[in-house]
C-alpha cells in the first residue's frame, strides 16, 4: 500500500496552519527562555562563589603547624 506525500501547500494560508506555526514558535521561544534563565542562575551562583572566595582572608602557607596540610 502506498501513501501519497502529505501536501501542506494548500493549507499555508489557512488560520489553523498559521495558529499551529505560531504555537510551535511560542513553545520554542519559551523553552529557550527557560534554558537561558537556568544558565543565568548558574552564572550568578558561580559569581557568588567567586565573590565569597575573594573575600576570604589570605593565609600565609609558608608557616604550617605540625601535622597541618594545605587542604588541597
PDB file of N, CA and C in Angstrom:
ATOM      1  N   UNK A   1       0.845  -1.176   0.000  1.00  0.00           N
ATOM      2  CA  UNK A   1       0.000   0.000   0.000  1.00  0.00           C
ATOM      3  C   UNK A   1       0.885   1.233   0.000  1.00  0.00           C
ATOM      4  N   UNK A   2       0.679   2.126  -0.906  1.00  0.00           N
ATOM      5  CA  UNK A   2       1.444   3.359  -0.999  1.00  0.00           C
ATOM      6  C   UNK A   2       0.593   4.526  -0.506  1.00  0.00           C
ATOM      7  N   UNK A   3       1.228   5.378   0.252  1.00  0.00           N
ATOM      8  CA  UNK A   3       0.529   6.564   0.753  1.00  0.00           C
ATOM      9  C   UNK A   3       1.216   7.774   0.140  1.00  0.00           C
ATOM     10  N   UNK A   4       0.432   8.650  -0.426  1.00  0.00           N
ATOM     11  CA  UNK A   4       0.978   9.849  -1.063  1.00  0.00           C
ATOM     12  C   UNK A   4       1.546  10.783  -0.008  1.00  0.00           C
ATOM     13  N   UNK A   5       2.479  11.635  -0.424  1.00  0.00           N
ATOM     14  CA  UNK A   5       3.050  12.634   0.483  1.00  0.00           C
ATOM     15  C   UNK A   5       1.948  13.571   0.964  1.00  0.00           C
ATOM     16  N   UNK A   6       2.098  14.015   2.172  1.00  0.00           N
ATOM     17  CA  UNK A   6       1.138  14.945   2.744  1.00  0.00           C
ATOM     18  C   UNK A   6       1.504  16.338   2.268  1.00  0.00           C
ATOM     19  N   UNK A   7       0.718  16.892   1.383  1.00  0.00           N
ATOM     20  CA  UNK A   7       1.000  18.191   0.788  1.00  0.00           C
ATOM     21  C   UNK A   7       0.323  19.285   1.613  1.00  0.00           C
ATOM     22  N   UNK A   8       1.117  20.140   2.239  1.00  0.00           N
ATOM     23  CA  UNK A   8       0.567  21.217   3.063  1.00  0.00           C
ATOM     24  C   UNK A   8       0.514  22.545   2.327  1.00  0.00           C
ATOM     25  N   UNK A   9       0.926  22.580   1.074  1.00  0.00           N
ATOM     26  CA  UNK A   9       0.969  23.844   0.339  1.00  0.00           C
ATOM     27  C   UNK A   9      -0.399  24.506   0.274  1.00  0.00           C
ATOM     28  N   UNK A  10      -1.449  23.727   0.147  1.00  0.00           N
ATOM     29  CA  UNK A  10      -2.787  24.319   0.045  1.00  0.00           C
ATOM     30  C   UNK A  10      -3.273  24.863   1.385  1.00  0.00           C
ATOM     31  N   UNK A  11      -2.611  24.493   2.486  1.00  0.00           N
ATOM     32  CA  UNK A  11      -3.048  24.932   3.809  1.00  0.00           C
ATOM     33  C   UNK A  11      -2.267  26.125   4.348  1.00  0.00           C
ATOM     34  N   UNK A  12      -1.256  26.558   3.659  1.00  0.00           N
ATOM     35  CA  UNK A  12      -0.361  27.586   4.202  1.00  0.00           C
ATOM     36  C   UNK A  12      -1.067  28.882   4.557  1.00  0.00           C
ATOM     37  N   UNK A  13      -2.166  29.170   3.937  1.00  0.00           N
ATOM     38  CA  UNK A  13      -2.838  30.434   4.225  1.00  0.00           C
ATOM     39  C   UNK A  13      -4.082  30.248   5.082  1.00  0.00           C
ATOM     40  N   UNK A  14      -4.289  29.064   5.601  1.00  0.00           N
ATOM     41  CA  UNK A  14      -5.429  28.825   6.478  1.00  0.00           C
ATOM     42  C   UNK A  14      -5.071  29.235   7.899  1.00  0.00           C
ATOM     43  N   UNK A  15      -6.081  29.660   8.627  1.00  0.00           N
ATOM     44  CA  UNK A  15      -5.882  30.130  10.000  1.00  0.00           C
ATOM     45  C   UNK A  15      -5.324  29.019  10.907  1.00  0.00           C
ATOM     46  N   UNK A  16      -5.824  27.812  10.744  1.00  0.00           N
ATOM     47  CA  UNK A  16      -5.354  26.704  11.566  1.00  0.00           C
ATOM     48  C   UNK A  16      -3.863  26.466  11.375  1.00  0.00           C
ATOM     49  N   UNK A  17      -3.381  26.533  10.157  1.00  0.00           N
ATOM     50  CA  UNK A  17      -1.966  26.335   9.870  1.00  0.00           C
ATOM     51  C   UNK A  17      -1.138  27.447  10.517  1.00  0.00           C
ATOM     52  N   UNK A  18      -1.593  28.697  10.378  1.00  0.00           N
ATOM     53  CA  UNK A  18      -0.870  29.820  10.988  1.00  0.00           C
ATOM     54  C   UNK A  18      -0.863  29.708  12.506  1.00  0.00           C
ATOM     55  N   UNK A  19      -1.994  29.311  13.081  1.00  0.00           N
ATOM     56  CA  UNK A  19      -2.065  29.151  14.540  1.00  0.00           C
ATOM     57  C   UNK A  19      -1.129  28.048  15.029  1.00  0.00           C
ATOM     58  N   UNK A  20      -1.059  26.964  14.285  1.00  0.00           N
ATOM     59  CA  UNK A  20      -0.162  25.869  14.670  1.00  0.00           C
ATOM     60  C   UNK A  20       1.295  26.321  14.596  1.00  0.00           C
ATOM     61  N   UNK A  21       1.640  27.037  13.542  1.00  0.00           N
ATOM     62  CA  UNK A  21       3.016  27.529  13.430  1.00  0.00           C
ATOM     63  C   UNK A  21       3.341  28.523  14.540  1.00  0.00           C
ATOM     64  N   UNK A  22       2.385  29.383  14.863  1.00  0.00           N
ATOM     65  CA  UNK A  22       2.592  30.347  15.948  1.00  0.00           C
ATOM     66  C   UNK A  22       2.768  29.621  17.271  1.00  0.00           C
ATOM     67  N   UNK A  23       1.967  28.602  17.517  1.00  0.00           N
ATOM     68  CA  UNK A  23       2.083  27.836  18.760  1.00  0.00           C
ATOM     69  C   UNK A  23       3.440  27.148  18.856  1.00  0.00           C
ATOM     70  N   UNK A  24       3.934  26.597  17.752  1.00  0.00           N
ATOM     71  CA  UNK A  24       5.256  25.960  17.770  1.00  0.00           C
ATOM     72  C   UNK A  24       6.344  26.983  18.040  1.00  0.00           C
ATOM     73  N   UNK A  25       6.226  28.162  17.438  1.00  0.00           N
ATOM     74  CA  UNK A  25       7.213  29.210  17.657  1.00  0.00           C
ATOM     75  C   UNK A  25       7.206  29.679  19.107  1.00  0.00           C
ATOM     76  N   UNK A  26       6.012  29.872  19.671  1.00  0.00           N
ATOM     77  CA  UNK A  26       5.898  30.291  21.068  1.00  0.00           C
ATOM     78  C   UNK A  26       6.518  29.241  21.980  1.00  0.00           C
ATOM     79  N   UNK A  27       6.252  27.981  21.697  1.00  0.00           N
ATOM     80  CA  UNK A  27       6.822  26.898  22.503  1.00  0.00           C
ATOM     81  C   UNK A  27       8.353  26.933  22.447  1.00  0.00           C
ATOM     82  N   UNK A  28       8.906  27.108  21.257  1.00  0.00           N
ATOM     83  CA  UNK A  28      10.368  27.148  21.105  1.00  0.00           C
ATOM     84  C   UNK A  28      10.967  28.346  21.833  1.00  0.00           C
ATOM     85  N   UNK A  29      10.309  29.504  21.726  1.00  0.00           N
ATOM     86  CA  UNK A  29      10.815  30.709  22.391  1.00  0.00           C
ATOM     87  C   UNK A  29      10.770  30.545  23.903  1.00  0.00           C
ATOM     88  N   UNK A  30       9.653  30.029  24.429  1.00  0.00           N
ATOM     89  CA  UNK A  30       9.547  29.830  25.875  1.00  0.00           C
ATOM     90  C   UNK A  30      10.570  28.821  26.382  1.00  0.00           C
ATOM     91  N   UNK A  31      10.777  27.752  25.629  1.00  0.00           N
ATOM     92  CA  UNK A  31      11.774  26.752  26.012  1.00  0.00           C
ATOM     93  C   UNK A  31      13.169  27.375  26.037  1.00  0.00           C
ATOM     94  N   UNK A  32      13.488  28.177  25.041  1.00  0.00           N
ATOM     95  CA  UNK A  32      14.799  28.822  25.002  1.00  0.00           C
ATOM     96  C   UNK A  32      14.951  29.821  26.145  1.00  0.00           C
ATOM     97  N   UNK A  33      13.882  30.521  26.480  1.00  0.00           N
ATOM     98  CA  UNK A  33      13.940  31.468  27.596  1.00  0.00           C
ATOM     99  C   UNK A  33      14.176  30.737  28.917  1.00  0.00           C
ATOM    100  N   UNK A  34      13.555  29.569  29.087  1.00  0.00           N
ATOM    101  CA  UNK A  34      13.780  28.777  30.299  1.00  0.00           C
ATOM    102  C   UNK A  34      15.224  28.308  30.381  1.00  0.00           C
ATOM    103  N   UNK A  35      15.770  27.864  29.256  1.00  0.00           N
ATOM    104  CA  UNK A  35      17.172  27.427  29.247  1.00  0.00           C
ATOM    105  C   UNK A  35      18.103  28.596  29.551  1.00  0.00           C
ATOM    106  N   UNK A  36      17.786  29.783  29.022  1.00  0.00           N
ATOM    107  CA  UNK A  36      18.594  30.965  29.285  1.00  0.00           C
ATOM    108  C   UNK A  36      18.522  31.348  30.759  1.00  0.00           C
ATOM    109  N   UNK A  37      17.333  31.300  31.338  1.00  0.00           N
ATOM    110  CA  UNK A  37      17.174  31.626  32.758  1.00  0.00           C
ATOM    111  C   UNK A  37      17.957  30.655  33.630  1.00  0.00           C
ATOM    112  N   UNK A  38      17.954  29.384  33.283  1.00  0.00           N
ATOM    113  CA  UNK A  38      18.718  28.390  34.050  1.00  0.00           C
ATOM    114  C   UNK A  38      20.213  28.671  33.946  1.00  0.00           C
ATOM    115  N   UNK A  39      20.670  29.045  32.755  1.00  0.00           N
ATOM    116  CA  UNK A  39      22.091  29.360  32.577  1.00  0.00           C
ATOM    117  C   UNK A  39      22.467  30.606  33.369  1.00  0.00           C
ATOM    118  N   UNK A  40      21.586  31.600  33.397  1.00  0.00           N
ATOM    119  CA  UNK A  40      21.843  32.820  34.164  1.00  0.00           C
ATOM    120  C   UNK A  40      21.942  32.489  35.648  1.00  0.00           C
ATOM    121  N   UNK A  41      21.069  31.619  36.141  1.00  0.00           N
ATOM    122  CA  UNK A  41      21.125  31.213  37.549  1.00  0.00           C
ATOM    123  C   UNK A  41      22.458  30.544  37.874  1.00  0.00           C
ATOM    124  N   UNK A  42      22.936  29.692  36.977  1.00  0.00           N
ATOM    125  CA  UNK A  42      24.220  29.023  37.197  1.00  0.00           C
ATOM    126  C   UNK A  42      25.360  30.030  37.226  1.00  0.00           C
ATOM    127  N   UNK A  43      25.325  31.005  36.334  1.00  0.00           N
ATOM    128  CA  UNK A  43      26.375  32.034  36.299  1.00  0.00           C
ATOM    129  C   UNK A  43      26.330  32.872  37.575  1.00  0.00           C
ATOM    130  N   UNK A  44      25.127  33.248  38.016  1.00  0.00           N
ATOM    131  CA  UNK A  44      25.006  34.023  39.248  1.00  0.00           C
ATOM    132  C   UNK A  44      25.558  33.251  40.442  1.00  0.00           C
ATOM    133  N   UNK A  45      25.269  31.953  40.523  1.00  0.00           N
ATOM    134  CA  UNK A  45      25.793  31.131  41.612  1.00  0.00           C
ATOM    135  C   UNK A  45      27.314  31.083  41.576  1.00  0.00           C
ATOM    136  N   UNK A  46      27.867  30.907  40.376  1.00  0.00           N
ATOM    137  CA  UNK A  46      29.326  30.860  40.243  1.00  0.00           C
ATOM    138  C   UNK A  46      29.948  32.197  40.632  1.00  0.00           C
ATOM    139  N   UNK A  47      29.315  33.303  40.251  1.00  0.00           N
ATOM    140  CA  UNK A  47      29.845  34.619  40.619  1.00  0.00           C
ATOM    141  C   UNK A  47      29.782  34.847  42.124  1.00  0.00           C
ATOM    142  N   UNK A  48      28.709  34.369  42.758  1.00  0.00           N
ATOM    143  CA  UNK A  48      28.611  34.499  44.216  1.00  0.00           C
ATOM    144  C   UNK A  48      29.720  33.704  44.901  1.00  0.00           C
ATOM    145  N   UNK A  49      29.979  32.487  44.412  1.00  0.00           N
ATOM    146  CA  UNK A  49      31.063  31.675  44.978  1.00  0.00           C
ATOM    147  C   UNK A  49      32.408  32.363  44.768  1.00  0.00           C
ATOM    148  N   UNK A  50      32.606  32.935  43.599  1.00  0.00           N
ATOM    149  CA  UNK A  50      33.858  33.635  43.312  1.00  0.00           C
ATOM    150  C   UNK A  50      34.018  34.841  44.224  1.00  0.00           C
ATOM    151  N   UNK A  51      32.938  35.607  44.390  1.00  0.00           N
ATOM    152  CA  UNK A  51      32.999  36.784  45.256  1.00  0.00           C
ATOM    153  C   UNK A  51      33.280  36.380  46.698  1.00  0.00           C
ATOM    154  N   UNK A  52      32.664  35.294  47.149  1.00  0.00           N
ATOM    155  CA  UNK A  52      32.911  34.825  48.519  1.00  0.00           C
ATOM    156  C   UNK A  52      34.359  34.370  48.674  1.00  0.00           C
ATOM    157  N   UNK A  53      34.909  33.748  47.651  1.00  0.00           N
ATOM    158  CA  UNK A  53      36.297  33.285  47.717  1.00  0.00           C
ATOM    159  C   UNK A  53      37.273  34.451  47.759  1.00  0.00           C
ATOM    160  N   UNK A  54      36.939  35.544  47.110  1.00  0.00           N
ATOM    161  CA  UNK A  54      37.857  36.690  47.111  1.00  0.00           C
ATOM    162  C   UNK A  54      37.790  37.460  48.412  1.00  0.00           C
ATOM    163  N   UNK A  55      36.714  37.277  49.190  1.00  0.00           N
ATOM    164  CA  UNK A  55      36.592  37.973  50.467  1.00  0.00           C
ATOM    165  C   UNK A  55      37.253  37.222  51.617  1.00  0.00           C
ATOM    166  N   UNK A  56      37.603  35.961  51.419  1.00  0.00           N
ATOM    167  CA  UNK A  56      38.238  35.187  52.489  1.00  0.00           C
ATOM    168  C   UNK A  56      39.639  35.754  52.772  1.00  0.00           C
ATOM    169  N   UNK A  57      39.996  35.796  54.037  1.00  0.00           N
ATOM    170  CA  UNK A  57      41.344  36.298  54.345  1.00  0.00           C
ATOM    171  C   UNK A  57      42.404  35.319  53.817  1.00  0.00           C
ATOM    172  N   UNK A  58      43.450  35.890  53.299  1.00  0.00           N
ATOM    173  CA  UNK A  58      44.551  35.062  52.806  1.00  0.00           C
ATOM    174  C   UNK A  58      45.362  34.554  53.985  1.00  0.00           C
ATOM    175  N   UNK A  59      45.834  33.346  53.866  1.00  0.00           N
ATOM    176  CA  UNK A  59      46.601  32.742  54.939  1.00  0.00           C
ATOM    177  C   UNK A  59      48.018  32.508  54.449  1.00  0.00           C
ATOM    178  N   UNK A  60      48.942  32.729  55.293  1.00  0.00           N
ATOM    179  CA  UNK A  60      50.342  32.520  54.939  1.00  0.00           C
ATOM    180  C   UNK A  60      50.636  31.022  55.033  1.00  0.00           C
ATOM    181  N   UNK A  61      50.809  30.378  53.880  1.00  0.00           N
ATOM    182  CA  UNK A  61      51.036  28.941  53.849  1.00  0.00           C
ATOM    183  C   UNK A  61      52.511  28.581  54.014  1.00  0.00           C
ATOM    184  N   UNK A  62      53.343  29.571  54.218  1.00  0.00           N
ATOM    185  CA  UNK A  62      54.761  29.253  54.393  1.00  0.00           C
ATOM    186  C   UNK A  62      55.046  28.735  55.797  1.00  0.00           C
ATOM    187  N   UNK A  63      54.145  29.004  56.723  1.00  0.00           N
ATOM    188  CA  UNK A  63      54.336  28.509  58.089  1.00  0.00           C
ATOM    189  C   UNK A  63      53.144  27.644  58.473  1.00  0.00           C
ATOM    190  N   UNK A  64      53.337  26.338  58.426  1.00  0.00           N
ATOM    191  CA  UNK A  64      52.297  25.391  58.814  1.00  0.00           C
ATOM    192  C   UNK A  64      52.652  24.788  60.161  1.00  0.00           C
ATOM    193  N   UNK A  65      51.623  24.538  60.949  1.00  0.00           N
ATOM    194  CA  UNK A  65      51.847  23.878  62.232  1.00  0.00           C
ATOM    195  C   UNK A  65      52.107  22.396  62.003  1.00  0.00           C
ATOM    196  N   UNK A  66      52.584  21.723  63.032  1.00  0.00           N
ATOM    197  CA  UNK A  66      52.887  20.298  62.923  1.00  0.00           C
ATOM    198  C   UNK A  66      51.597  19.525  62.603  1.00  0.00           C
ATOM    199  N   UNK A  67      51.651  18.676  61.581  1.00  0.00           N
ATOM    200  CA  UNK A  67      50.524  17.856  61.175  1.00  0.00           C
ATOM    201  C   UNK A  67      49.481  18.598  60.339  1.00  0.00           C
ATOM    202  N   UNK A  68      49.729  19.845  60.027  1.00  0.00           N
ATOM    203  CA  UNK A  68      48.777  20.631  59.252  1.00  0.00           C
ATOM    204  C   UNK A  68      49.099  20.499  57.755  1.00  0.00           C
ATOM    205  N   UNK A  69      48.082  20.463  56.945  1.00  0.00           N
ATOM    206  CA  UNK A  69      48.279  20.368  55.494  1.00  0.00           C
ATOM    207  C   UNK A  69      47.690  21.601  54.817  1.00  0.00           C
ATOM    208  N   UNK A  70      47.942  21.714  53.548  1.00  0.00           N
ATOM    209  CA  UNK A  70      47.410  22.835  52.779  1.00  0.00           C
ATOM    210  C   UNK A  70      45.907  22.699  52.534  1.00  0.00           C
ATOM    211  N   UNK A  71      45.390  21.501  52.671  1.00  0.00           N
ATOM    212  CA  UNK A  71      43.971  21.270  52.467  1.00  0.00           C
ATOM    213  C   UNK A  71      43.577  21.204  51.003  1.00  0.00           C
ATOM    214  N   UNK A  72      44.483  20.805  50.163  1.00  0.00           N
ATOM    215  CA  UNK A  72      44.177  20.721  48.742  1.00  0.00           C
ATOM    216  C   UNK A  72      43.523  19.434  48.405  1.00  0.00           C
TER     217      UNK A  72
END
